[in-house]
Amino acid sequence: MADIQQIRVQIPEDLEPRYVNVAYITHTPSEFLLDFVTMLPGLTNPKVNTRLLLSPLGMKLVQRALNEMLNAMKPLLARSRSPRARPWQTNSSKAPERRHLVRKNKNGHPR
């Protein structure tokens, strides 16, 4: 079995975090594209401020890591509620150009 090496990732001191509250996810058979937006009250034309491009394997690893973290936070998340309305529905009747990814079951029906 191959030896596992620990990699030390450096984070630049001038790297600024970005708050995002909307994500658009699109994919092809060979890649996933994640666009992140900061939607604030009064903004009529928000722009994508962060874009990630991942391979399907990379996306699966990110999904696994997020699931592990969310499962660890279940007690905290159980007390908070997710919003039902989409951010653009409160200010305008026009939806953004891209749609959110809708999960479908084996029969092709939304979950």
N, C-alpha and C. Protein backbone atom coordinates (compact mmCIF):
# COMPACT_ATOMS: atom_id res chain seq x y z
N MET A 1 0.84 -1.19 0.00
CA MET A 1 0.00 0.00 0.00
C MET A 1 0.89 1.25 0.00
N ALA A 2 0.50 2.26 -0.71
CA ALA A 2 1.28 3.49 -0.82
C ALA A 2 1.28 4.25 0.50
N ASP A 3 2.39 4.91 0.76
CA ASP A 3 2.47 5.74 1.96
C ASP A 3 1.62 6.99 1.78
N ILE A 4 0.92 7.36 2.83
CA ILE A 4 0.11 8.58 2.80
C ILE A 4 0.96 9.72 3.30
N GLN A 5 1.06 10.77 2.49
CA GLN A 5 1.84 11.93 2.87
C GLN A 5 0.91 13.07 3.27
N GLN A 6 1.30 13.76 4.32
CA GLN A 6 0.51 14.91 4.75
C GLN A 6 0.98 16.13 3.96
N ILE A 7 0.02 16.86 3.42
CA ILE A 7 0.32 18.05 2.63
C ILE A 7 -0.08 19.27 3.45
N ARG A 8 0.84 20.19 3.59
CA ARG A 8 0.55 21.43 4.30
C ARG A 8 0.15 22.49 3.28
N VAL A 9 -1.10 22.90 3.33
CA VAL A 9 -1.62 23.90 2.41
C VAL A 9 -1.43 25.27 3.02
N GLN A 10 -0.89 26.19 2.25
CA GLN A 10 -0.69 27.55 2.74
C GLN A 10 -1.84 28.43 2.28
N ILE A 11 -2.36 29.24 3.18
CA ILE A 11 -3.41 30.20 2.86
C ILE A 11 -2.78 31.59 2.87
N PRO A 12 -2.79 32.29 1.74
CA PRO A 12 -2.18 33.63 1.70
C PRO A 12 -2.84 34.55 2.72
N GLU A 13 -2.03 35.39 3.35
CA GLU A 13 -2.54 36.30 4.37
C GLU A 13 -3.52 37.32 3.79
N ASP A 14 -3.37 37.67 2.51
CA ASP A 14 -4.25 38.67 1.90
C ASP A 14 -5.51 38.05 1.27
N LEU A 15 -5.71 36.75 1.44
CA LEU A 15 -6.90 36.10 0.90
C LEU A 15 -8.12 36.53 1.70
N GLU A 16 -9.09 37.13 1.01
CA GLU A 16 -10.29 37.63 1.70
C GLU A 16 -11.42 36.64 1.54
N PRO A 17 -12.09 36.28 2.64
CA PRO A 17 -13.24 35.39 2.52
C PRO A 17 -14.41 36.12 1.87
N ARG A 18 -15.26 35.37 1.22
CA ARG A 18 -16.44 35.93 0.58
C ARG A 18 -17.67 35.26 1.15
N TYR A 19 -18.66 36.06 1.50
CA TYR A 19 -19.94 35.54 1.95
C TYR A 19 -20.78 35.24 0.73
N VAL A 20 -21.30 34.03 0.63
CA VAL A 20 -22.19 33.67 -0.46
C VAL A 20 -23.45 33.04 0.13
N ASN A 21 -24.59 33.33 -0.49
CA ASN A 21 -25.83 32.74 -0.02
C ASN A 21 -26.68 32.18 -1.16
N VAL A 22 -26.14 32.17 -2.37
CA VAL A 22 -26.81 31.55 -3.51
C VAL A 22 -25.75 30.80 -4.30
N ALA A 23 -26.08 29.57 -4.70
CA ALA A 23 -25.17 28.77 -5.52
C ALA A 23 -25.93 28.22 -6.72
N TYR A 24 -25.31 28.28 -7.88
CA TYR A 24 -25.84 27.69 -9.10
C TYR A 24 -24.90 26.56 -9.48
N ILE A 25 -25.44 25.39 -9.70
CA ILE A 25 -24.61 24.22 -9.99
C ILE A 25 -25.04 23.66 -11.34
N THR A 26 -24.07 23.55 -12.24
CA THR A 26 -24.32 22.93 -13.54
C THR A 26 -23.24 21.88 -13.76
N HIS A 27 -23.49 20.96 -14.69
CA HIS A 27 -22.49 19.92 -14.91
C HIS A 27 -22.57 19.36 -16.31
N THR A 28 -21.47 18.76 -16.70
CA THR A 28 -21.37 17.96 -17.90
C THR A 28 -20.88 16.59 -17.43
N PRO A 29 -20.77 15.61 -18.31
CA PRO A 29 -20.23 14.33 -17.85
C PRO A 29 -18.81 14.41 -17.30
N SER A 30 -18.07 15.45 -17.67
CA SER A 30 -16.66 15.52 -17.26
C SER A 30 -16.34 16.58 -16.22
N GLU A 31 -17.31 17.45 -15.86
CA GLU A 31 -16.98 18.49 -14.88
C GLU A 31 -18.23 19.07 -14.23
N PHE A 32 -18.04 19.61 -13.04
CA PHE A 32 -19.06 20.34 -12.31
C PHE A 32 -18.63 21.79 -12.24
N LEU A 33 -19.58 22.70 -12.43
CA LEU A 33 -19.32 24.13 -12.34
C LEU A 33 -20.20 24.68 -11.23
N LEU A 34 -19.57 25.28 -10.22
CA LEU A 34 -20.30 25.87 -9.10
C LEU A 34 -20.07 27.37 -9.12
N ASP A 35 -21.14 28.14 -9.29
CA ASP A 35 -21.08 29.59 -9.26
C ASP A 35 -21.73 30.08 -7.98
N PHE A 36 -21.05 30.96 -7.27
CA PHE A 36 -21.54 31.48 -6.00
C PHE A 36 -21.81 32.97 -6.11
N VAL A 37 -22.91 33.39 -5.48
CA VAL A 37 -23.37 34.77 -5.56
C VAL A 37 -23.68 35.27 -4.15
N THR A 38 -23.44 36.54 -3.91
CA THR A 38 -23.91 37.19 -2.68
C THR A 38 -25.15 37.98 -3.04
N MET A 39 -26.29 37.51 -2.54
CA MET A 39 -27.57 38.17 -2.81
C MET A 39 -27.92 39.02 -1.59
N LEU A 40 -28.00 40.33 -1.79
CA LEU A 40 -28.32 41.24 -0.70
C LEU A 40 -29.58 42.02 -1.03
N PRO A 41 -30.33 42.45 -0.02
CA PRO A 41 -31.54 43.24 -0.28
C PRO A 41 -31.22 44.47 -1.11
N GLY A 42 -32.05 44.74 -2.09
CA GLY A 42 -31.87 45.92 -2.92
C GLY A 42 -31.01 45.70 -4.15
N LEU A 43 -30.25 44.61 -4.21
CA LEU A 43 -29.45 44.34 -5.39
C LEU A 43 -30.34 43.76 -6.47
N THR A 44 -30.36 44.40 -7.62
CA THR A 44 -31.21 43.92 -8.70
C THR A 44 -30.43 43.10 -9.73
N ASN A 45 -29.11 43.22 -9.72
CA ASN A 45 -28.30 42.51 -10.69
C ASN A 45 -27.03 41.96 -10.03
N PRO A 46 -27.17 41.02 -9.09
CA PRO A 46 -25.97 40.51 -8.43
C PRO A 46 -25.12 39.70 -9.41
N LYS A 47 -23.82 39.66 -9.16
CA LYS A 47 -22.89 38.96 -10.05
C LYS A 47 -22.26 37.79 -9.32
N VAL A 48 -21.87 36.79 -10.10
CA VAL A 48 -21.11 35.67 -9.55
C VAL A 48 -19.80 36.22 -9.03
N ASN A 49 -19.45 35.89 -7.77
CA ASN A 49 -18.19 36.38 -7.23
C ASN A 49 -17.17 35.27 -7.00
N THR A 50 -17.60 34.02 -7.11
CA THR A 50 -16.69 32.89 -6.96
C THR A 50 -17.15 31.78 -7.88
N ARG A 51 -16.21 31.17 -8.59
CA ARG A 51 -16.53 30.06 -9.49
C ARG A 51 -15.55 28.92 -9.22
N LEU A 52 -16.11 27.72 -9.04
CA LEU A 52 -15.30 26.52 -8.85
C LEU A 52 -15.57 25.55 -9.98
N LEU A 53 -14.53 24.91 -10.48
CA LEU A 53 -14.64 23.90 -11.52
C LEU A 53 -14.03 22.63 -10.96
N LEU A 54 -14.82 21.56 -10.88
CA LEU A 54 -14.35 20.31 -10.29
C LEU A 54 -14.62 19.13 -11.21
N SER A 55 -13.78 18.13 -11.09
CA SER A 55 -14.04 16.87 -11.78
C SER A 55 -15.15 16.14 -11.02
N PRO A 56 -15.79 15.15 -11.63
CA PRO A 56 -16.81 14.40 -10.90
C PRO A 56 -16.25 13.76 -9.62
N LEU A 57 -15.03 13.24 -9.66
CA LEU A 57 -14.43 12.67 -8.46
C LEU A 57 -14.19 13.75 -7.41
N GLY A 58 -13.70 14.91 -7.83
CA GLY A 58 -13.49 16.01 -6.90
C GLY A 58 -14.79 16.44 -6.25
N MET A 59 -15.87 16.49 -7.05
CA MET A 59 -17.18 16.87 -6.51
C MET A 59 -17.67 15.84 -5.51
N LYS A 60 -17.44 14.57 -5.81
CA LYS A 60 -17.86 13.50 -4.89
C LYS A 60 -17.11 13.61 -3.56
N LEU A 61 -15.84 13.95 -3.60
CA LEU A 61 -15.06 14.11 -2.37
C LEU A 61 -15.52 15.33 -1.58
N VAL A 62 -15.84 16.42 -2.27
CA VAL A 62 -16.38 17.60 -1.59
C VAL A 62 -17.73 17.26 -0.96
N GLN A 63 -18.57 16.54 -1.70
CA GLN A 63 -19.87 16.14 -1.17
C GLN A 63 -19.70 15.28 0.08
N ARG A 64 -18.78 14.34 0.05
CA ARG A 64 -18.55 13.48 1.22
C ARG A 64 -18.10 14.31 2.42
N ALA A 65 -17.18 15.24 2.19
CA ALA A 65 -16.69 16.08 3.29
C ALA A 65 -17.82 16.95 3.86
N LEU A 66 -18.64 17.54 2.97
CA LEU A 66 -19.76 18.36 3.44
C LEU A 66 -20.77 17.53 4.22
N ASN A 67 -21.07 16.32 3.72
CA ASN A 67 -22.01 15.45 4.43
C ASN A 67 -21.50 15.10 5.83
N GLU A 68 -20.21 14.81 5.95
CA GLU A 68 -19.64 14.49 7.26
C GLU A 68 -19.76 15.68 8.20
N MET A 69 -19.48 16.87 7.71
CA MET A 69 -19.56 18.07 8.55
C MET A 69 -21.01 18.37 8.93
N LEU A 70 -21.93 18.24 7.96
CA LEU A 70 -23.35 18.49 8.26
C LEU A 70 -23.90 17.48 9.25
N ASN A 71 -23.50 16.22 9.12
CA ASN A 71 -23.95 15.21 10.08
C ASN A 71 -23.44 15.52 11.48
N ALA A 72 -22.22 16.04 11.59
CA ALA A 72 -21.68 16.41 12.90
C ALA A 72 -22.43 17.60 13.49
N MET A 73 -23.02 18.43 12.62
CA MET A 73 -23.73 19.63 13.08
C MET A 73 -25.24 19.42 13.20
N LYS A 74 -25.73 18.20 13.02
CA LYS A 74 -27.17 17.96 13.04
C LYS A 74 -27.88 18.54 14.26
N PRO A 75 -27.33 18.41 15.47
CA PRO A 75 -28.05 18.99 16.61
C PRO A 75 -28.25 20.50 16.47
N LEU A 76 -27.26 21.21 15.97
CA LEU A 76 -27.38 22.66 15.78
C LEU A 76 -28.34 22.99 14.63
N LEU A 77 -28.24 22.25 13.54
CA LEU A 77 -29.07 22.52 12.37
C LEU A 77 -30.53 22.16 12.61
N ALA A 78 -30.81 21.24 13.50
CA ALA A 78 -32.20 20.86 13.78
C ALA A 78 -32.98 22.02 14.37
N ARG A 79 -32.29 22.93 15.02
CA ARG A 79 -32.97 24.08 15.63
C ARG A 79 -33.17 25.24 14.67
N SER A 80 -32.48 25.23 13.52
CA SER A 80 -32.64 26.32 12.56
C SER A 80 -33.47 25.84 11.38
N ARG A 81 -34.18 26.76 10.73
CA ARG A 81 -35.03 26.41 9.60
C ARG A 81 -34.46 26.98 8.32
N SER A 82 -34.61 26.25 7.25
CA SER A 82 -34.19 26.73 5.94
C SER A 82 -35.29 27.61 5.35
N PRO A 83 -34.91 28.67 4.64
CA PRO A 83 -35.93 29.52 4.01
C PRO A 83 -36.63 28.76 2.89
N ARG A 84 -37.92 29.00 2.74
CA ARG A 84 -38.69 28.33 1.68
C ARG A 84 -38.68 29.14 0.38
N ALA A 85 -38.72 30.46 0.47
CA ALA A 85 -38.77 31.30 -0.72
C ALA A 85 -37.37 31.47 -1.30
N ARG A 86 -37.29 31.49 -2.60
CA ARG A 86 -36.02 31.79 -3.26
C ARG A 86 -35.76 33.28 -3.09
N PRO A 87 -34.50 33.71 -2.99
CA PRO A 87 -34.20 35.13 -2.76
C PRO A 87 -34.81 36.05 -3.82
N TRP A 88 -34.85 35.60 -5.09
CA TRP A 88 -35.36 36.49 -6.14
C TRP A 88 -36.89 36.59 -6.10
N GLN A 89 -37.57 35.69 -5.41
CA GLN A 89 -39.03 35.74 -5.37
C GLN A 89 -39.53 36.85 -4.46
N THR A 90 -38.72 37.32 -3.54
CA THR A 90 -39.17 38.35 -2.62
C THR A 90 -39.09 39.74 -3.23
N ASN A 91 -38.20 39.97 -4.21
CA ASN A 91 -38.01 41.29 -4.77
C ASN A 91 -38.51 41.44 -6.21
N SER A 92 -38.62 40.33 -6.90
CA SER A 92 -38.93 40.41 -8.32
C SER A 92 -39.62 39.13 -8.76
N SER A 93 -40.39 39.22 -9.82
CA SER A 93 -41.02 38.02 -10.34
C SER A 93 -40.13 37.31 -11.35
N LYS A 94 -39.00 37.93 -11.71
CA LYS A 94 -38.12 37.34 -12.70
C LYS A 94 -37.05 36.49 -12.02
N ALA A 95 -36.95 35.24 -12.41
CA ALA A 95 -35.94 34.34 -11.87
C ALA A 95 -34.62 34.56 -12.61
N PRO A 96 -33.50 34.19 -12.01
CA PRO A 96 -32.23 34.32 -12.71
C PRO A 96 -32.19 33.40 -13.93
N GLU A 97 -31.21 33.62 -14.79
CA GLU A 97 -31.13 32.87 -16.04
C GLU A 97 -30.93 31.38 -15.82
N ARG A 98 -30.11 30.99 -14.83
CA ARG A 98 -29.87 29.58 -14.57
C ARG A 98 -30.81 29.09 -13.49
N ARG A 99 -31.07 27.81 -13.51
CA ARG A 99 -31.95 27.22 -12.51
C ARG A 99 -31.13 26.40 -11.52
N HIS A 100 -31.68 26.25 -10.32
CA HIS A 100 -31.06 25.39 -9.33
C HIS A 100 -31.17 23.94 -9.79
N LEU A 101 -30.22 23.14 -9.41
CA LEU A 101 -30.22 21.73 -9.72
C LEU A 101 -31.36 21.05 -8.97
N VAL A 102 -32.20 20.31 -9.67
CA VAL A 102 -33.31 19.59 -9.05
C VAL A 102 -32.95 18.12 -9.03
N ARG A 103 -32.94 17.53 -7.84
CA ARG A 103 -32.65 16.11 -7.74
C ARG A 103 -33.85 15.31 -8.21
N LYS A 104 -33.58 14.22 -8.94
CA LYS A 104 -34.65 13.38 -9.44
C LYS A 104 -34.40 11.94 -9.00
N ASN A 105 -35.49 11.21 -8.81
CA ASN A 105 -35.36 9.81 -8.44
C ASN A 105 -35.17 8.96 -9.69
N LYS A 106 -35.18 7.62 -9.54
CA LYS A 106 -34.94 6.72 -10.67
C LYS A 106 -35.96 6.87 -11.78
N ASN A 107 -37.18 7.27 -11.44
CA ASN A 107 -38.24 7.42 -12.44
C ASN A 107 -38.22 8.79 -13.12
N GLY A 108 -37.30 9.66 -12.74
CA GLY A 108 -37.20 10.98 -13.34
C GLY A 108 -38.07 12.02 -12.70
N HIS A 109 -38.70 11.70 -11.57
CA HIS A 109 -39.55 12.64 -10.87
C HIS A 109 -38.74 13.39 -9.81
N PRO A 110 -39.02 14.69 -9.60
CA PRO A 110 -38.31 15.43 -8.54
C PRO A 110 -38.54 14.79 -7.18
N ARG A 111 -37.50 14.83 -6.35
CA ARG A 111 -37.61 14.29 -4.99
C ARG A 111 -38.32 15.25 -4.09
